[in-house]
mmCIF file of all heavy atoms, coordinates in Angstrom:
data_MODEL
# 
_entry.id   MODEL 
# 
loop_
_atom_site.group_PDB 
_atom_site.id 
_atom_site.type_symbol 
_atom_site.label_atom_id 
_atom_site.label_alt_id 
_atom_site.label_comp_id 
_atom_site.label_asym_id 
_atom_site.label_entity_id 
_atom_site.label_seq_id 
_atom_site.pdbx_PDB_ins_code 
_atom_site.Cartn_x 
_atom_site.Cartn_y 
_atom_site.Cartn_z 
_atom_site.occupancy 
_atom_site.B_iso_or_equiv 
_atom_site.pdbx_formal_charge 
_atom_site.auth_seq_id 
_atom_site.auth_comp_id 
_atom_site.auth_asym_id 
_atom_site.auth_atom_id 
_atom_site.pdbx_PDB_model_num 
ATOM 1   N N   . ARG A 1 1  ? 79.499  91.040 107.411 1.00 0.00 ? 1  ARG A N   1 
ATOM 2   C CA  . ARG A 1 1  ? 79.316  91.385 108.817 1.00 0.00 ? 1  ARG A CA  1 
ATOM 3   C C   . ARG A 1 1  ? 79.907  90.328 109.752 1.00 0.00 ? 1  ARG A C   1 
ATOM 4   O O   . ARG A 1 1  ? 80.533  90.647 110.761 1.00 0.00 ? 1  ARG A O   1 
ATOM 5   C CB  . ARG A 1 1  ? 77.830  91.574 109.122 1.00 0.00 ? 1  ARG A CB  1 
ATOM 6   C CG  . ARG A 1 1  ? 77.551  92.038 110.554 1.00 0.00 ? 1  ARG A CG  1 
ATOM 7   C CD  . ARG A 1 1  ? 76.055  92.222 110.776 1.00 0.00 ? 1  ARG A CD  1 
ATOM 8   N NE  . ARG A 1 1  ? 75.776  92.686 112.116 1.00 0.00 ? 1  ARG A NE  1 
ATOM 9   C CZ  . ARG A 1 1  ? 75.756  93.954 112.492 1.00 0.00 ? 1  ARG A CZ  1 
ATOM 10  N NH1 . ARG A 1 1  ? 76.030  94.890 111.612 1.00 0.00 ? 1  ARG A NH1 1 
ATOM 11  N NH2 . ARG A 1 1  ? 75.470  94.286 113.734 1.00 0.00 ? 1  ARG A NH2 1 
ATOM 12  N N   . LEU A 1 2  ? 79.705  89.068 109.436 1.00 0.00 ? 2  LEU A N   1 
ATOM 13  C CA  . LEU A 1 2  ? 80.189  88.011 110.315 1.00 0.00 ? 2  LEU A CA  1 
ATOM 14  C C   . LEU A 1 2  ? 81.712  87.917 110.304 1.00 0.00 ? 2  LEU A C   1 
ATOM 15  O O   . LEU A 1 2  ? 82.329  87.558 111.310 1.00 0.00 ? 2  LEU A O   1 
ATOM 16  C CB  . LEU A 1 2  ? 79.567  86.666 109.933 1.00 0.00 ? 2  LEU A CB  1 
ATOM 17  C CG  . LEU A 1 2  ? 78.039  86.624 110.010 1.00 0.00 ? 2  LEU A CG  1 
ATOM 18  C CD1 . LEU A 1 2  ? 77.526  85.221 109.777 1.00 0.00 ? 2  LEU A CD1 1 
ATOM 19  C CD2 . LEU A 1 2  ? 77.552  87.156 111.346 1.00 0.00 ? 2  LEU A CD2 1 
ATOM 20  N N   . VAL A 1 3  ? 82.327  88.224 109.171 1.00 0.00 ? 3  VAL A N   1 
ATOM 21  C CA  . VAL A 1 3  ? 83.788  88.302 109.136 1.00 0.00 ? 3  VAL A CA  1 
ATOM 22  C C   . VAL A 1 3  ? 84.265  89.394 110.085 1.00 0.00 ? 3  VAL A C   1 
ATOM 23  O O   . VAL A 1 3  ? 85.222  89.212 110.851 1.00 0.00 ? 3  VAL A O   1 
ATOM 24  C CB  . VAL A 1 3  ? 84.276  88.587 107.697 1.00 0.00 ? 3  VAL A CB  1 
ATOM 25  C CG1 . VAL A 1 3  ? 85.794  88.745 107.676 1.00 0.00 ? 3  VAL A CG1 1 
ATOM 26  C CG2 . VAL A 1 3  ? 83.850  87.463 106.761 1.00 0.00 ? 3  VAL A CG2 1 
ATOM 27  N N   . HIS A 1 4  ? 83.584  90.523 110.051 1.00 0.00 ? 4  HIS A N   1 
ATOM 28  C CA  . HIS A 1 4  ? 83.921  91.637 110.930 1.00 0.00 ? 4  HIS A CA  1 
ATOM 29  C C   . HIS A 1 4  ? 83.821  91.211 112.397 1.00 0.00 ? 4  HIS A C   1 
ATOM 30  O O   . HIS A 1 4  ? 84.710  91.525 113.208 1.00 0.00 ? 4  HIS A O   1 
ATOM 31  C CB  . HIS A 1 4  ? 82.971  92.802 110.643 1.00 0.00 ? 4  HIS A CB  1 
ATOM 32  C CG  . HIS A 1 4  ? 83.185  93.996 111.499 1.00 0.00 ? 4  HIS A CG  1 
ATOM 33  N ND1 . HIS A 1 4  ? 84.195  94.905 111.278 1.00 0.00 ? 4  HIS A ND1 1 
ATOM 34  C CD2 . HIS A 1 4  ? 82.513  94.440 112.604 1.00 0.00 ? 4  HIS A CD2 1 
ATOM 35  C CE1 . HIS A 1 4  ? 84.145  95.857 112.198 1.00 0.00 ? 4  HIS A CE1 1 
ATOM 36  N NE2 . HIS A 1 4  ? 83.136  95.599 113.010 1.00 0.00 ? 4  HIS A NE2 1 
ATOM 37  N N   . VAL A 1 5  ? 82.764  90.507 112.738 1.00 0.00 ? 5  VAL A N   1 
ATOM 38  C CA  . VAL A 1 5  ? 82.556  90.079 114.121 1.00 0.00 ? 5  VAL A CA  1 
ATOM 39  C C   . VAL A 1 5  ? 83.630  89.090 114.556 1.00 0.00 ? 5  VAL A C   1 
ATOM 40  O O   . VAL A 1 5  ? 84.218  89.212 115.642 1.00 0.00 ? 5  VAL A O   1 
ATOM 41  C CB  . VAL A 1 5  ? 81.156  89.468 114.275 1.00 0.00 ? 5  VAL A CB  1 
ATOM 42  C CG1 . VAL A 1 5  ? 80.983  88.844 115.656 1.00 0.00 ? 5  VAL A CG1 1 
ATOM 43  C CG2 . VAL A 1 5  ? 80.086  90.529 114.044 1.00 0.00 ? 5  VAL A CG2 1 
ATOM 44  N N   . VAL A 1 6  ? 83.911  88.106 113.732 1.00 0.00 ? 6  VAL A N   1 
ATOM 45  C CA  . VAL A 1 6  ? 84.904  87.095 114.080 1.00 0.00 ? 6  VAL A CA  1 
ATOM 46  C C   . VAL A 1 6  ? 86.282  87.721 114.255 1.00 0.00 ? 6  VAL A C   1 
ATOM 47  O O   . VAL A 1 6  ? 87.024  87.387 115.190 1.00 0.00 ? 6  VAL A O   1 
ATOM 48  C CB  . VAL A 1 6  ? 84.938  85.989 113.009 1.00 0.00 ? 6  VAL A CB  1 
ATOM 49  C CG1 . VAL A 1 6  ? 86.144  85.073 113.209 1.00 0.00 ? 6  VAL A CG1 1 
ATOM 50  C CG2 . VAL A 1 6  ? 83.648  85.173 113.066 1.00 0.00 ? 6  VAL A CG2 1 
ATOM 51  N N   . LEU A 1 7  ? 86.651  88.645 113.388 1.00 0.00 ? 7  LEU A N   1 
ATOM 52  C CA  . LEU A 1 7  ? 87.955  89.291 113.503 1.00 0.00 ? 7  LEU A CA  1 
ATOM 53  C C   . LEU A 1 7  ? 88.015  90.182 114.748 1.00 0.00 ? 7  LEU A C   1 
ATOM 54  O O   . LEU A 1 7  ? 89.075  90.330 115.360 1.00 0.00 ? 7  LEU A O   1 
ATOM 55  C CB  . LEU A 1 7  ? 88.252  90.107 112.250 1.00 0.00 ? 7  LEU A CB  1 
ATOM 56  C CG  . LEU A 1 7  ? 88.481  89.276 110.978 1.00 0.00 ? 7  LEU A CG  1 
ATOM 57  C CD1 . LEU A 1 7  ? 88.712  90.198 109.780 1.00 0.00 ? 7  LEU A CD1 1 
ATOM 58  C CD2 . LEU A 1 7  ? 89.659  88.331 111.151 1.00 0.00 ? 7  LEU A CD2 1 
ATOM 59  N N   . GLY A 1 8  ? 86.877  90.762 115.125 1.00 0.00 ? 8  GLY A N   1 
ATOM 60  C CA  . GLY A 1 8  ? 86.838  91.536 116.361 1.00 0.00 ? 8  GLY A CA  1 
ATOM 61  C C   . GLY A 1 8  ? 87.076  90.659 117.572 1.00 0.00 ? 8  GLY A C   1 
ATOM 62  O O   . GLY A 1 8  ? 87.843  91.017 118.484 1.00 0.00 ? 8  GLY A O   1 
ATOM 63  N N   . TYR A 1 9  ? 86.429  89.488 117.609 1.00 0.00 ? 9  TYR A N   1 
ATOM 64  C CA  . TYR A 1 9  ? 86.680  88.545 118.697 1.00 0.00 ? 9  TYR A CA  1 
ATOM 65  C C   . TYR A 1 9  ? 88.132  88.070 118.689 1.00 0.00 ? 9  TYR A C   1 
ATOM 66  O O   . TYR A 1 9  ? 88.733  87.828 119.742 1.00 0.00 ? 9  TYR A O   1 
ATOM 67  C CB  . TYR A 1 9  ? 85.734  87.350 118.594 1.00 0.00 ? 9  TYR A CB  1 
ATOM 68  C CG  . TYR A 1 9  ? 84.318  87.639 119.019 1.00 0.00 ? 9  TYR A CG  1 
ATOM 69  C CD1 . TYR A 1 9  ? 83.235  87.234 118.244 1.00 0.00 ? 9  TYR A CD1 1 
ATOM 70  C CD2 . TYR A 1 9  ? 84.055  88.320 120.199 1.00 0.00 ? 9  TYR A CD2 1 
ATOM 71  C CE1 . TYR A 1 9  ? 81.932  87.501 118.631 1.00 0.00 ? 9  TYR A CE1 1 
ATOM 72  C CE2 . TYR A 1 9  ? 82.752  88.591 120.592 1.00 0.00 ? 9  TYR A CE2 1 
ATOM 73  C CZ  . TYR A 1 9  ? 81.694  88.176 119.815 1.00 0.00 ? 9  TYR A CZ  1 
ATOM 74  O OH  . TYR A 1 9  ? 80.406  88.448 120.206 1.00 0.00 ? 9  TYR A OH  1 
ATOM 75  N N   . THR A 1 10 ? 88.688  87.928 117.505 1.00 0.00 ? 10 THR A N   1 
ATOM 76  C CA  . THR A 1 10 ? 90.086  87.517 117.407 1.00 0.00 ? 10 THR A CA  1 
ATOM 77  C C   . THR A 1 10 ? 90.999  88.554 118.037 1.00 0.00 ? 10 THR A C   1 
ATOM 78  O O   . THR A 1 10 ? 91.946  88.217 118.759 1.00 0.00 ? 10 THR A O   1 
ATOM 79  C CB  . THR A 1 10 ? 90.478  87.296 115.939 1.00 0.00 ? 10 THR A CB  1 
ATOM 80  O OG1 . THR A 1 10 ? 89.602  86.342 115.341 1.00 0.00 ? 10 THR A OG1 1 
ATOM 81  C CG2 . THR A 1 10 ? 91.912  86.791 115.831 1.00 0.00 ? 10 THR A CG2 1 
ATOM 82  N N   . MET A 1 11 ? 90.731  89.819 117.781 1.00 0.00 ? 11 MET A N   1 
ATOM 83  C CA  . MET A 1 11 ? 91.526  90.885 118.391 1.00 0.00 ? 11 MET A CA  1 
ATOM 84  C C   . MET A 1 11 ? 91.441  90.828 119.909 1.00 0.00 ? 11 MET A C   1 
ATOM 85  O O   . MET A 1 11 ? 92.447  91.000 120.618 1.00 0.00 ? 11 MET A O   1 
ATOM 86  C CB  . MET A 1 11 ? 91.060  92.251 117.885 1.00 0.00 ? 11 MET A CB  1 
ATOM 87  C CG  . MET A 1 11 ? 91.403  92.542 116.443 1.00 0.00 ? 11 MET A CG  1 
ATOM 88  S SD  . MET A 1 11 ? 90.732  94.132 115.889 1.00 0.00 ? 11 MET A SD  1 
ATOM 89  C CE  . MET A 1 11 ? 91.556  95.250 117.022 1.00 0.00 ? 11 MET A CE  1 
ATOM 90  N N   . ALA A 1 12 ? 90.239  90.589 120.426 1.00 0.00 ? 12 ALA A N   1 
ATOM 91  C CA  . ALA A 1 12 ? 90.076  90.509 121.880 1.00 0.00 ? 12 ALA A CA  1 
ATOM 92  C C   . ALA A 1 12 ? 90.863  89.330 122.448 1.00 0.00 ? 12 ALA A C   1 
ATOM 93  O O   . ALA A 1 12 ? 91.531  89.455 123.492 1.00 0.00 ? 12 ALA A O   1 
ATOM 94  C CB  . ALA A 1 12 ? 88.597  90.382 122.228 1.00 0.00 ? 12 ALA A CB  1 
ATOM 95  N N   . GLY A 1 13 ? 90.794  88.185 121.771 1.00 0.00 ? 13 GLY A N   1 
ATOM 96  C CA  . GLY A 1 13 ? 91.539  87.025 122.236 1.00 0.00 ? 13 GLY A CA  1 
ATOM 97  C C   . GLY A 1 13 ? 93.042  87.242 122.178 1.00 0.00 ? 13 GLY A C   1 
ATOM 98  O O   . GLY A 1 13 ? 93.776  86.847 123.096 1.00 0.00 ? 13 GLY A O   1 
ATOM 99  N N   . LEU A 1 14 ? 93.508  87.878 121.125 1.00 0.00 ? 14 LEU A N   1 
ATOM 100 C CA  . LEU A 1 14 ? 94.937  88.160 121.001 1.00 0.00 ? 14 LEU A CA  1 
ATOM 101 C C   . LEU A 1 14 ? 95.400  89.127 122.080 1.00 0.00 ? 14 LEU A C   1 
ATOM 102 O O   . LEU A 1 14 ? 96.510  88.974 122.628 1.00 0.00 ? 14 LEU A O   1 
ATOM 103 C CB  . LEU A 1 14 ? 95.236  88.728 119.613 1.00 0.00 ? 14 LEU A CB  1 
ATOM 104 C CG  . LEU A 1 14 ? 95.196  87.737 118.453 1.00 0.00 ? 14 LEU A CG  1 
ATOM 105 C CD1 . LEU A 1 14 ? 95.259  88.472 117.122 1.00 0.00 ? 14 LEU A CD1 1 
ATOM 106 C CD2 . LEU A 1 14 ? 96.339  86.727 118.552 1.00 0.00 ? 14 LEU A CD2 1 
ATOM 107 N N   . LEU A 1 15 ? 94.570  90.121 122.390 1.00 0.00 ? 15 LEU A N   1 
ATOM 108 C CA  . LEU A 1 15 ? 94.937  91.042 123.458 1.00 0.00 ? 15 LEU A CA  1 
ATOM 109 C C   . LEU A 1 15 ? 95.045  90.308 124.789 1.00 0.00 ? 15 LEU A C   1 
ATOM 110 O O   . LEU A 1 15 ? 95.975  90.550 125.567 1.00 0.00 ? 15 LEU A O   1 
ATOM 111 C CB  . LEU A 1 15 ? 93.909  92.168 123.553 1.00 0.00 ? 15 LEU A CB  1 
ATOM 112 C CG  . LEU A 1 15 ? 94.146  93.167 124.694 1.00 0.00 ? 15 LEU A CG  1 
ATOM 113 C CD1 . LEU A 1 15 ? 95.444  93.929 124.486 1.00 0.00 ? 15 LEU A CD1 1 
ATOM 114 C CD2 . LEU A 1 15 ? 92.965  94.126 124.829 1.00 0.00 ? 15 LEU A CD2 1 
ATOM 115 N N   . GLY A 1 16 ? 94.079  89.412 125.060 1.00 0.00 ? 16 GLY A N   1 
ATOM 116 C CA  . GLY A 1 16 ? 94.154  88.631 126.294 1.00 0.00 ? 16 GLY A CA  1 
ATOM 117 C C   . GLY A 1 16 ? 95.429  87.806 126.362 1.00 0.00 ? 16 GLY A C   1 
ATOM 118 O O   . GLY A 1 16 ? 96.072  87.714 127.419 1.00 0.00 ? 16 GLY A O   1 
ATOM 119 N N   . TRP A 1 17 ? 95.797  87.205 125.227 1.00 0.00 ? 17 TRP A N   1 
ATOM 120 C CA  . TRP A 1 17 ? 97.045  86.421 125.206 1.00 0.00 ? 17 TRP A CA  1 
ATOM 121 C C   . TRP A 1 17 ? 98.243  87.315 125.447 1.00 0.00 ? 17 TRP A C   1 
ATOM 122 O O   . TRP A 1 17 ? 99.158  86.940 126.197 1.00 0.00 ? 17 TRP A O   1 
ATOM 123 C CB  . TRP A 1 17 ? 97.188  85.728 123.852 1.00 0.00 ? 17 TRP A CB  1 
ATOM 124 C CG  . TRP A 1 17 ? 98.446  84.928 123.749 1.00 0.00 ? 17 TRP A CG  1 
ATOM 125 C CD1 . TRP A 1 17 ? 98.615  83.623 124.093 1.00 0.00 ? 17 TRP A CD1 1 
ATOM 126 C CD2 . TRP A 1 17 ? 99.728  85.401 123.304 1.00 0.00 ? 17 TRP A CD2 1 
ATOM 127 N NE1 . TRP A 1 17 ? 99.928  83.242 123.893 1.00 0.00 ? 17 TRP A NE1 1 
ATOM 128 C CE2 . TRP A 1 17 ? 100.632 84.315 123.406 1.00 0.00 ? 17 TRP A CE2 1 
ATOM 129 C CE3 . TRP A 1 17 ? 100.198 86.620 122.822 1.00 0.00 ? 17 TRP A CE3 1 
ATOM 130 C CZ2 . TRP A 1 17 ? 101.974 84.426 123.045 1.00 0.00 ? 17 TRP A CZ2 1 
ATOM 131 C CZ3 . TRP A 1 17 ? 101.538 86.733 122.465 1.00 0.00 ? 17 TRP A CZ3 1 
ATOM 132 C CH2 . TRP A 1 17 ? 102.404 85.641 122.577 1.00 0.00 ? 17 TRP A CH2 1 
ATOM 133 N N   . ARG A 1 18 ? 98.253  88.506 124.853 1.00 0.00 ? 18 ARG A N   1 
ATOM 134 C CA  . ARG A 1 18 ? 99.404  89.395 125.019 1.00 0.00 ? 18 ARG A CA  1 
ATOM 135 C C   . ARG A 1 18 ? 99.541  89.878 126.451 1.00 0.00 ? 18 ARG A C   1 
ATOM 136 O O   . ARG A 1 18 ? 100.656 90.018 126.972 1.00 0.00 ? 18 ARG A O   1 
ATOM 137 C CB  . ARG A 1 18 ? 99.275  90.593 124.070 1.00 0.00 ? 18 ARG A CB  1 
ATOM 138 C CG  . ARG A 1 18 ? 100.483 91.536 124.115 1.00 0.00 ? 18 ARG A CG  1 
ATOM 139 C CD  . ARG A 1 18 ? 101.735 90.808 123.684 1.00 0.00 ? 18 ARG A CD  1 
ATOM 140 N NE  . ARG A 1 18 ? 102.920 91.648 123.782 1.00 0.00 ? 18 ARG A NE  1 
ATOM 141 C CZ  . ARG A 1 18 ? 103.695 91.747 124.857 1.00 0.00 ? 18 ARG A CZ  1 
ATOM 142 N NH1 . ARG A 1 18 ? 103.385 91.054 125.959 1.00 0.00 ? 18 ARG A NH1 1 
ATOM 143 N NH2 . ARG A 1 18 ? 104.757 92.506 124.861 1.00 0.00 ? 18 ARG A NH2 1 
ATOM 144 N N   . VAL A 1 19 ? 98.423  90.142 127.100 1.00 0.00 ? 19 VAL A N   1 
ATOM 145 C CA  . VAL A 1 19 ? 98.471  90.546 128.508 1.00 0.00 ? 19 VAL A CA  1 
ATOM 146 C C   . VAL A 1 19 ? 99.028  89.411 129.358 1.00 0.00 ? 19 VAL A C   1 
ATOM 147 O O   . VAL A 1 19 ? 99.886  89.633 130.230 1.00 0.00 ? 19 VAL A O   1 
ATOM 148 C CB  . VAL A 1 19 ? 97.072  90.972 128.995 1.00 0.00 ? 19 VAL A CB  1 
ATOM 149 C CG1 . VAL A 1 19 ? 97.057  91.167 130.509 1.00 0.00 ? 19 VAL A CG1 1 
ATOM 150 C CG2 . VAL A 1 19 ? 96.639  92.258 128.292 1.00 0.00 ? 19 VAL A CG2 1 
ATOM 151 N N   . LEU A 1 20 ? 98.558  88.192 129.105 1.00 0.00 ? 20 LEU A N   1 
ATOM 152 C CA  . LEU A 1 20 ? 99.062  87.039 129.863 1.00 0.00 ? 20 LEU A CA  1 
ATOM 153 C C   . LEU A 1 20 ? 100.546 86.836 129.606 1.00 0.00 ? 20 LEU A C   1 
ATOM 154 O O   . LEU A 1 20 ? 101.329 86.604 130.546 1.00 0.00 ? 20 LEU A O   1 
ATOM 155 C CB  . LEU A 1 20 ? 98.276  85.787 129.472 1.00 0.00 ? 20 LEU A CB  1 
ATOM 156 C CG  . LEU A 1 20 ? 98.671  84.489 130.199 1.00 0.00 ? 20 LEU A CG  1 
ATOM 157 C CD1 . LEU A 1 20 ? 98.424  84.626 131.693 1.00 0.00 ? 20 LEU A CD1 1 
ATOM 158 C CD2 . LEU A 1 20 ? 97.890  83.300 129.631 1.00 0.00 ? 20 LEU A CD2 1 
ATOM 159 N N   . TYR A 1 21 ? 100.956 86.934 128.345 1.00 0.00 ? 21 TYR A N   1 
ATOM 160 C CA  . TYR A 1 21 ? 102.373 86.784 127.998 1.00 0.00 ? 21 TYR A CA  1 
ATOM 161 C C   . TYR A 1 21 ? 103.201 87.904 128.618 1.00 0.00 ? 21 TYR A C   1 
ATOM 162 O O   . TYR A 1 21 ? 104.353 87.699 129.014 1.00 0.00 ? 21 TYR A O   1 
ATOM 163 C CB  . TYR A 1 21 ? 102.529 86.790 126.471 1.00 0.00 ? 21 TYR A CB  1 
ATOM 164 C CG  . TYR A 1 21 ? 103.871 86.323 125.962 1.00 0.00 ? 21 TYR A CG  1 
ATOM 165 C CD1 . TYR A 1 21 ? 104.457 85.151 126.444 1.00 0.00 ? 21 TYR A CD1 1 
ATOM 166 C CD2 . TYR A 1 21 ? 104.545 87.037 124.976 1.00 0.00 ? 21 TYR A CD2 1 
ATOM 167 C CE1 . TYR A 1 21 ? 105.676 84.710 125.967 1.00 0.00 ? 21 TYR A CE1 1 
ATOM 168 C CE2 . TYR A 1 21 ? 105.771 86.605 124.491 1.00 0.00 ? 21 TYR A CE2 1 
ATOM 169 C CZ  . TYR A 1 21 ? 106.325 85.441 124.985 1.00 0.00 ? 21 TYR A CZ  1 
ATOM 170 O OH  . TYR A 1 21 ? 107.553 85.007 124.520 1.00 0.00 ? 21 TYR A OH  1 
ATOM 171 N N   . GLY A 1 22 ? 102.612 89.081 128.707 1.00 0.00 ? 22 GLY A N   1 
ATOM 172 C CA  . GLY A 1 22 ? 103.312 90.207 129.305 1.00 0.00 ? 22 GLY A CA  1 
ATOM 173 C C   . GLY A 1 22 ? 103.416 90.114 130.813 1.00 0.00 ? 22 GLY A C   1 
ATOM 174 O O   . GLY A 1 22 ? 104.197 90.858 131.418 1.00 0.00 ? 22 GLY A O   1 
ATOM 175 N N   . LEU A 1 23 ? 102.650 89.236 131.428 1.00 0.00 ? 23 LEU A N   1 
ATOM 176 C CA  . LEU A 1 23 ? 102.711 89.057 132.871 1.00 0.00 ? 23 LEU A CA  1 
ATOM 177 C C   . LEU A 1 23 ? 103.617 87.909 133.286 1.00 0.00 ? 23 LEU A C   1 
ATOM 178 O O   . LEU A 1 23 ? 104.304 87.991 134.314 1.00 0.00 ? 23 LEU A O   1 
ATOM 179 C CB  . LEU A 1 23 ? 101.298 88.827 133.432 1.00 0.00 ? 23 LEU A CB  1 
ATOM 180 C CG  . LEU A 1 23 ? 100.327 90.008 133.331 1.00 0.00 ? 23 LEU A CG  1 
ATOM 181 C CD1 . LEU A 1 23 ? 98.945  89.597 133.818 1.00 0.00 ? 23 LEU A CD1 1 
ATOM 182 C CD2 . LEU A 1 23 ? 100.838 91.208 134.122 1.00 0.00 ? 23 LEU A CD2 1 
ATOM 183 N N   . VAL A 1 24 ? 103.615 86.828 132.497 1.00 0.00 ? 24 VAL A N   1 
ATOM 184 C CA  . VAL A 1 24 ? 104.376 85.634 132.899 1.00 0.00 ? 24 VAL A CA  1 
ATOM 185 C C   . VAL A 1 24 ? 105.465 85.278 131.900 1.00 0.00 ? 24 VAL A C   1 
ATOM 186 O O   . VAL A 1 24 ? 106.205 84.312 132.132 1.00 0.00 ? 24 VAL A O   1 
ATOM 187 C CB  . VAL A 1 24 ? 103.427 84.427 133.078 1.00 0.00 ? 24 VAL A CB  1 
ATOM 188 C CG1 . VAL A 1 24 ? 102.370 84.714 134.117 1.00 0.00 ? 24 VAL A CG1 1 
ATOM 189 C CG2 . VAL A 1 24 ? 102.768 84.043 131.734 1.00 0.00 ? 24 VAL A CG2 1 
# 
């Protein structure tokens, strides 16, 4: 379960980075 949670947070962080990279 905790692996699942950590990887979910990782996806959210990666999406945030991609949005920022896509803006600047």
